[in-house]
Amino acid sequence: MKTESIIVRFGNNVQRIRKEQNISQEKLAEYAGLHRTYVGMVERHERNITLVNADKIAKALNVPIEELVKQ
């Protein structure tokens, strides 16, 4: 079984949780203090983000950071 990279898991989980909470990428970016295009790049697995920004996104989604990296 091939394992997803952490970048793919993180982006997929961010997108899933954001949609479950009915939040736009733009609103998530605003809540996290990031640019909306950055959030889109994270969700499309185009960014290897820092722990600082991962923490900002987790807090903006009101979930533990562990939720964003789980399989």
PDB file of N, CA and C in Angstrom:
ATOM      1  N   MET A   1       0.839  -1.180   0.000  1.00  0.00           N
ATOM      2  CA  MET A   1       0.000   0.000   0.000  1.00  0.00           C
ATOM      3  C   MET A   1       0.891   1.252   0.000  1.00  0.00           C
ATOM      4  N   LYS A   2       0.631   2.166  -0.923  1.00  0.00           N
ATOM      5  CA  LYS A   2       1.409   3.389  -1.004  1.00  0.00           C
ATOM      6  C   LYS A   2       0.841   4.423  -0.021  1.00  0.00           C
ATOM      7  N   THR A   3       1.728   5.067   0.691  1.00  0.00           N
ATOM      8  CA  THR A   3       1.307   6.062   1.666  1.00  0.00           C
ATOM      9  C   THR A   3       1.323   7.447   1.046  1.00  0.00           C
ATOM     10  N   GLU A   4       0.299   8.236   1.335  1.00  0.00           N
ATOM     11  CA  GLU A   4       0.255   9.623   0.864  1.00  0.00           C
ATOM     12  C   GLU A   4       1.338  10.430   1.566  1.00  0.00           C
ATOM     13  N   SER A   5       1.889  11.380   0.867  1.00  0.00           N
ATOM     14  CA  SER A   5       2.851  12.261   1.522  1.00  0.00           C
ATOM     15  C   SER A   5       2.105  13.147   2.513  1.00  0.00           C
ATOM     16  N   ILE A   6       2.826  13.634   3.486  1.00  0.00           N
ATOM     17  CA  ILE A   6       2.220  14.496   4.500  1.00  0.00           C
ATOM     18  C   ILE A   6       1.676  15.782   3.862  1.00  0.00           C
ATOM     19  N   ILE A   7       2.285  16.254   2.788  1.00  0.00           N
ATOM     20  CA  ILE A   7       1.809  17.460   2.098  1.00  0.00           C
ATOM     21  C   ILE A   7       0.432  17.208   1.489  1.00  0.00           C
ATOM     22  N   VAL A   8       0.254  16.037   0.899  1.00  0.00           N
ATOM     23  CA  VAL A   8      -1.038  15.676   0.294  1.00  0.00           C
ATOM     24  C   VAL A   8      -2.083  15.490   1.382  1.00  0.00           C
ATOM     25  N   ARG A   9      -1.737  14.759   2.437  1.00  0.00           N
ATOM     26  CA  ARG A   9      -2.689  14.550   3.546  1.00  0.00           C
ATOM     27  C   ARG A   9      -3.106  15.877   4.148  1.00  0.00           C
ATOM     28  N   PHE A  10      -2.139  16.744   4.398  1.00  0.00           N
ATOM     29  CA  PHE A  10      -2.431  18.033   5.020  1.00  0.00           C
ATOM     30  C   PHE A  10      -3.387  18.835   4.135  1.00  0.00           C
ATOM     31  N   GLY A  11      -3.059  18.961   2.864  1.00  0.00           N
ATOM     32  CA  GLY A  11      -3.905  19.729   1.948  1.00  0.00           C
ATOM     33  C   GLY A  11      -5.304  19.161   1.833  1.00  0.00           C
ATOM     34  N   ASN A  12      -5.404  17.837   1.728  1.00  0.00           N
ATOM     35  CA  ASN A  12      -6.716  17.188   1.639  1.00  0.00           C
ATOM     36  C   ASN A  12      -7.532  17.408   2.910  1.00  0.00           C
ATOM     37  N   ASN A  13      -6.888  17.289   4.058  1.00  0.00           N
ATOM     38  CA  ASN A  13      -7.598  17.482   5.324  1.00  0.00           C
ATOM     39  C   ASN A  13      -8.033  18.928   5.512  1.00  0.00           C
ATOM     40  N   VAL A  14      -7.185  19.876   5.140  1.00  0.00           N
ATOM     41  CA  VAL A  14      -7.571  21.287   5.232  1.00  0.00           C
ATOM     42  C   VAL A  14      -8.808  21.527   4.378  1.00  0.00           C
ATOM     43  N   GLN A  15      -8.777  21.059   3.136  1.00  0.00           N
ATOM     44  CA  GLN A  15      -9.905  21.274   2.232  1.00  0.00           C
ATOM     45  C   GLN A  15     -11.179  20.599   2.756  1.00  0.00           C
ATOM     46  N   ARG A  16     -11.056  19.367   3.230  1.00  0.00           N
ATOM     47  CA  ARG A  16     -12.221  18.634   3.739  1.00  0.00           C
ATOM     48  C   ARG A  16     -12.850  19.352   4.925  1.00  0.00           C
ATOM     49  N   ILE A  17     -12.028  19.736   5.894  1.00  0.00           N
ATOM     50  CA  ILE A  17     -12.538  20.391   7.102  1.00  0.00           C
ATOM     51  C   ILE A  17     -13.106  21.766   6.759  1.00  0.00           C
ATOM     52  N   ARG A  18     -12.429  22.490   5.897  1.00  0.00           N
ATOM     53  CA  ARG A  18     -12.912  23.816   5.490  1.00  0.00           C
ATOM     54  C   ARG A  18     -14.294  23.700   4.856  1.00  0.00           C
ATOM     55  N   LYS A  19     -14.467  22.727   3.968  1.00  0.00           N
ATOM     56  CA  LYS A  19     -15.766  22.532   3.310  1.00  0.00           C
ATOM     57  C   LYS A  19     -16.832  22.070   4.305  1.00  0.00           C
ATOM     58  N   GLU A  20     -16.451  21.183   5.232  1.00  0.00           N
ATOM     59  CA  GLU A  20     -17.405  20.740   6.265  1.00  0.00           C
ATOM     60  C   GLU A  20     -17.902  21.918   7.092  1.00  0.00           C
ATOM     61  N   GLN A  21     -17.027  22.900   7.302  1.00  0.00           N
ATOM     62  CA  GLN A  21     -17.382  24.077   8.089  1.00  0.00           C
ATOM     63  C   GLN A  21     -17.993  25.190   7.224  1.00  0.00           C
ATOM     64  N   ASN A  22     -18.129  24.898   5.922  1.00  0.00           N
ATOM     65  CA  ASN A  22     -18.721  25.858   4.984  1.00  0.00           C
ATOM     66  C   ASN A  22     -17.982  27.202   4.996  1.00  0.00           C
ATOM     67  N   ILE A  23     -16.651  27.114   4.953  1.00  0.00           N
ATOM     68  CA  ILE A  23     -15.794  28.303   4.943  1.00  0.00           C
ATOM     69  C   ILE A  23     -15.117  28.378   3.578  1.00  0.00           C
ATOM     70  N   SER A  24     -15.090  29.548   2.982  1.00  0.00           N
ATOM     71  CA  SER A  24     -14.385  29.728   1.712  1.00  0.00           C
ATOM     72  C   SER A  24     -12.878  29.771   1.967  1.00  0.00           C
ATOM     73  N   GLN A  25     -12.121  29.553   0.903  1.00  0.00           N
ATOM     74  CA  GLN A  25     -10.666  29.694   1.021  1.00  0.00           C
ATOM     75  C   GLN A  25     -10.312  31.108   1.460  1.00  0.00           C
ATOM     76  N   GLU A  26     -11.026  32.064   0.940  1.00  0.00           N
ATOM     77  CA  GLU A  26     -10.763  33.462   1.281  1.00  0.00           C
ATOM     78  C   GLU A  26     -10.989  33.724   2.769  1.00  0.00           C
ATOM     79  N   LYS A  27     -12.084  33.198   3.327  1.00  0.00           N
ATOM     80  CA  LYS A  27     -12.368  33.385   4.755  1.00  0.00           C
ATOM     81  C   LYS A  27     -11.338  32.659   5.611  1.00  0.00           C
ATOM     82  N   LEU A  28     -10.982  31.439   5.212  1.00  0.00           N
ATOM     83  CA  LEU A  28      -9.967  30.698   5.963  1.00  0.00           C
ATOM     84  C   LEU A  28      -8.662  31.481   5.976  1.00  0.00           C
ATOM     85  N   ALA A  29      -8.277  32.011   4.834  1.00  0.00           N
ATOM     86  CA  ALA A  29      -7.051  32.800   4.752  1.00  0.00           C
ATOM     87  C   ALA A  29      -7.129  34.016   5.672  1.00  0.00           C
ATOM     88  N   GLU A  30      -8.280  34.667   5.672  1.00  0.00           N
ATOM     89  CA  GLU A  30      -8.467  35.841   6.537  1.00  0.00           C
ATOM     90  C   GLU A  30      -8.334  35.448   8.006  1.00  0.00           C
ATOM     91  N   TYR A  31      -9.006  34.368   8.420  1.00  0.00           N
ATOM     92  CA  TYR A  31      -8.944  33.900   9.807  1.00  0.00           C
ATOM     93  C   TYR A  31      -7.522  33.514  10.210  1.00  0.00           C
ATOM     94  N   ALA A  32      -6.759  32.960   9.260  1.00  0.00           N
ATOM     95  CA  ALA A  32      -5.402  32.484   9.557  1.00  0.00           C
ATOM     96  C   ALA A  32      -4.345  33.567   9.380  1.00  0.00           C
ATOM     97  N   GLY A  33      -4.723  34.693   8.785  1.00  0.00           N
ATOM     98  CA  GLY A  33      -3.741  35.748   8.533  1.00  0.00           C
ATOM     99  C   GLY A  33      -2.806  35.405   7.387  1.00  0.00           C
ATOM    100  N   LEU A  34      -3.345  34.681   6.394  1.00  0.00           N
ATOM    101  CA  LEU A  34      -2.563  34.270   5.233  1.00  0.00           C
ATOM    102  C   LEU A  34      -3.240  34.780   3.976  1.00  0.00           C
ATOM    103  N   HIS A  35      -2.565  34.700   2.841  1.00  0.00           N
ATOM    104  CA  HIS A  35      -3.147  35.119   1.574  1.00  0.00           C
ATOM    105  C   HIS A  35      -4.019  33.993   1.024  1.00  0.00           C
ATOM    106  N   ARG A  36      -5.112  34.341   0.369  1.00  0.00           N
ATOM    107  CA  ARG A  36      -6.046  33.319  -0.126  1.00  0.00           C
ATOM    108  C   ARG A  36      -5.397  32.403  -1.164  1.00  0.00           C
ATOM    109  N   THR A  37      -4.495  32.941  -1.980  1.00  0.00           N
ATOM    110  CA  THR A  37      -3.842  32.075  -2.968  1.00  0.00           C
ATOM    111  C   THR A  37      -2.932  31.058  -2.278  1.00  0.00           C
ATOM    112  N   TYR A  38      -2.386  31.426  -1.134  1.00  0.00           N
ATOM    113  CA  TYR A  38      -1.549  30.514  -0.361  1.00  0.00           C
ATOM    114  C   TYR A  38      -2.375  29.319   0.125  1.00  0.00           C
ATOM    115  N   VAL A  39      -3.575  29.605   0.636  1.00  0.00           N
ATOM    116  CA  VAL A  39      -4.453  28.528   1.099  1.00  0.00           C
ATOM    117  C   VAL A  39      -4.791  27.596  -0.054  1.00  0.00           C
ATOM    118  N   GLY A  40      -5.087  28.142  -1.218  1.00  0.00           N
ATOM    119  CA  GLY A  40      -5.367  27.324  -2.397  1.00  0.00           C
ATOM    120  C   GLY A  40      -4.188  26.449  -2.767  1.00  0.00           C
ATOM    121  N   MET A  41      -2.994  27.000  -2.683  1.00  0.00           N
ATOM    122  CA  MET A  41      -1.789  26.227  -3.005  1.00  0.00           C
ATOM    123  C   MET A  41      -1.576  25.096  -1.996  1.00  0.00           C
ATOM    124  N   VAL A  42      -1.901  25.345  -0.742  1.00  0.00           N
ATOM    125  CA  VAL A  42      -1.800  24.295   0.288  1.00  0.00           C
ATOM    126  C   VAL A  42      -2.771  23.168  -0.045  1.00  0.00           C
ATOM    127  N   GLU A  43      -4.008  23.531  -0.374  1.00  0.00           N
ATOM    128  CA  GLU A  43      -5.015  22.517  -0.681  1.00  0.00           C
ATOM    129  C   GLU A  43      -4.685  21.732  -1.953  1.00  0.00           C
ATOM    130  N   ARG A  44      -3.961  22.348  -2.882  1.00  0.00           N
ATOM    131  CA  ARG A  44      -3.570  21.670  -4.124  1.00  0.00           C
ATOM    132  C   ARG A  44      -2.210  20.983  -4.001  1.00  0.00           C
ATOM    133  N   HIS A  45      -1.660  20.962  -2.811  1.00  0.00           N
ATOM    134  CA  HIS A  45      -0.394  20.276  -2.496  1.00  0.00           C
ATOM    135  C   HIS A  45       0.796  20.927  -3.192  1.00  0.00           C
ATOM    136  N   GLU A  46       0.723  22.203  -3.422  1.00  0.00           N
ATOM    137  CA  GLU A  46       1.796  22.933  -4.107  1.00  0.00           C
ATOM    138  C   GLU A  46       2.746  23.619  -3.133  1.00  0.00           C
ATOM    139  N   ARG A  47       2.460  23.539  -1.849  1.00  0.00           N
ATOM    140  CA  ARG A  47       3.287  24.194  -0.841  1.00  0.00           C
ATOM    141  C   ARG A  47       3.714  23.213   0.236  1.00  0.00           C
ATOM    142  N   ASN A  48       4.980  23.264   0.590  1.00  0.00           N
ATOM    143  CA  ASN A  48       5.494  22.559   1.750  1.00  0.00           C
ATOM    144  C   ASN A  48       5.554  23.617   2.844  1.00  0.00           C
ATOM    145  N   ILE A  49       4.486  23.724   3.622  1.00  0.00           N
ATOM    146  CA  ILE A  49       4.340  24.862   4.520  1.00  0.00           C
ATOM    147  C   ILE A  49       5.129  24.682   5.815  1.00  0.00           C
ATOM    148  N   THR A  50       5.332  25.795   6.507  1.00  0.00           N
ATOM    149  CA  THR A  50       6.034  25.769   7.786  1.00  0.00           C
ATOM    150  C   THR A  50       5.078  25.336   8.895  1.00  0.00           C
ATOM    151  N   LEU A  51       5.638  24.921   9.991  1.00  0.00           N
ATOM    152  CA  LEU A  51       4.820  24.572  11.151  1.00  0.00           C
ATOM    153  C   LEU A  51       4.055  25.781  11.663  1.00  0.00           C
ATOM    154  N   VAL A  52       4.639  26.946  11.545  1.00  0.00           N
ATOM    155  CA  VAL A  52       3.967  28.177  11.994  1.00  0.00           C
ATOM    156  C   VAL A  52       2.673  28.368  11.201  1.00  0.00           C
ATOM    157  N   ASN A  53       2.737  28.224   9.880  1.00  0.00           N
ATOM    158  CA  ASN A  53       1.537  28.400   9.066  1.00  0.00           C
ATOM    159  C   ASN A  53       0.561  27.238   9.240  1.00  0.00           C
ATOM    160  N   ALA A  54       1.063  26.040   9.457  1.00  0.00           N
ATOM    161  CA  ALA A  54       0.184  24.901   9.736  1.00  0.00           C
ATOM    162  C   ALA A  54      -0.602  25.161  11.014  1.00  0.00           C
ATOM    163  N   ASP A  55       0.067  25.719  12.005  1.00  0.00           N
ATOM    164  CA  ASP A  55      -0.593  26.046  13.270  1.00  0.00           C
ATOM    165  C   ASP A  55      -1.641  27.139  13.061  1.00  0.00           C
ATOM    166  N   LYS A  56      -1.340  28.126  12.243  1.00  0.00           N
ATOM    167  CA  LYS A  56      -2.306  29.195  11.959  1.00  0.00           C
ATOM    168  C   LYS A  56      -3.565  28.629  11.310  1.00  0.00           C
ATOM    169  N   ILE A  57      -3.385  27.716  10.368  1.00  0.00           N
ATOM    170  CA  ILE A  57      -4.527  27.114   9.676  1.00  0.00           C
ATOM    171  C   ILE A  57      -5.337  26.255  10.646  1.00  0.00           C
ATOM    172  N   ALA A  58      -4.659  25.466  11.470  1.00  0.00           N
ATOM    173  CA  ALA A  58      -5.362  24.630  12.449  1.00  0.00           C
ATOM    174  C   ALA A  58      -6.186  25.499  13.398  1.00  0.00           C
ATOM    175  N   LYS A  59      -5.601  26.566  13.879  1.00  0.00           N
ATOM    176  CA  LYS A  59      -6.330  27.464  14.793  1.00  0.00           C
ATOM    177  C   LYS A  59      -7.494  28.132  14.085  1.00  0.00           C
ATOM    178  N   ALA A  60      -7.313  28.529  12.833  1.00  0.00           N
ATOM    179  CA  ALA A  60      -8.390  29.163  12.071  1.00  0.00           C
ATOM    180  C   ALA A  60      -9.551  28.198  11.856  1.00  0.00           C
ATOM    181  N   LEU A  61      -9.245  26.911  11.719  1.00  0.00           N
ATOM    182  CA  LEU A  61     -10.284  25.886  11.547  1.00  0.00           C
ATOM    183  C   LEU A  61     -10.793  25.363  12.890  1.00  0.00           C
ATOM    184  N   ASN A  62     -10.149  25.796  13.969  1.00  0.00           N
ATOM    185  CA  ASN A  62     -10.511  25.382  15.326  1.00  0.00           C
ATOM    186  C   ASN A  62     -10.404  23.860  15.499  1.00  0.00           C
ATOM    187  N   VAL A  63      -9.292  23.303  15.003  1.00  0.00           N
ATOM    188  CA  VAL A  63      -9.016  21.879  15.159  1.00  0.00           C
ATOM    189  C   VAL A  63      -7.572  21.721  15.630  1.00  0.00           C
ATOM    190  N   PRO A  64      -7.270  20.613  16.315  1.00  0.00           N
ATOM    191  CA  PRO A  64      -5.867  20.370  16.669  1.00  0.00           C
ATOM    192  C   PRO A  64      -5.052  20.119  15.399  1.00  0.00           C
ATOM    193  N   ILE A  65      -3.823  20.537  15.410  1.00  0.00           N
ATOM    194  CA  ILE A  65      -2.954  20.387  14.234  1.00  0.00           C
ATOM    195  C   ILE A  65      -2.850  18.916  13.819  1.00  0.00           C
ATOM    196  N   GLU A  66      -2.955  18.015  14.778  1.00  0.00           N
ATOM    197  CA  GLU A  66      -2.888  16.587  14.483  1.00  0.00           C
ATOM    198  C   GLU A  66      -3.998  16.161  13.523  1.00  0.00           C
ATOM    199  N   GLU A  67      -5.138  16.827  13.594  1.00  0.00           N
ATOM    200  CA  GLU A  67      -6.274  16.517  12.710  1.00  0.00           C
ATOM    201  C   GLU A  67      -5.934  16.774  11.244  1.00  0.00           C
ATOM    202  N   LEU A  68      -5.020  17.683  11.004  1.00  0.00           N
ATOM    203  CA  LEU A  68      -4.670  18.068   9.633  1.00  0.00           C
ATOM    204  C   LEU A  68      -3.631  17.151   9.004  1.00  0.00           C
ATOM    205  N   VAL A  69      -2.987  16.323   9.795  1.00  0.00           N
ATOM    206  CA  VAL A  69      -1.969  15.420   9.240  1.00  0.00           C
ATOM    207  C   VAL A  69      -2.367  13.952   9.314  1.00  0.00           C
ATOM    208  N   LYS A  70      -3.507  13.669   9.894  1.00  0.00           N
ATOM    209  CA  LYS A  70      -3.914  12.257  10.044  1.00  0.00           C
ATOM    210  C   LYS A  70      -4.321  11.670   8.697  1.00  0.00           C
ATOM    211  N   GLN A  71      -4.182  10.359   8.623  1.00  0.00           N
ATOM    212  CA  GLN A  71      -4.555   9.636   7.391  1.00  0.00           C
ATOM    213  C   GLN A  71      -6.016   9.323   7.373  1.00  0.00           C
TER     214      GLN A  71
END
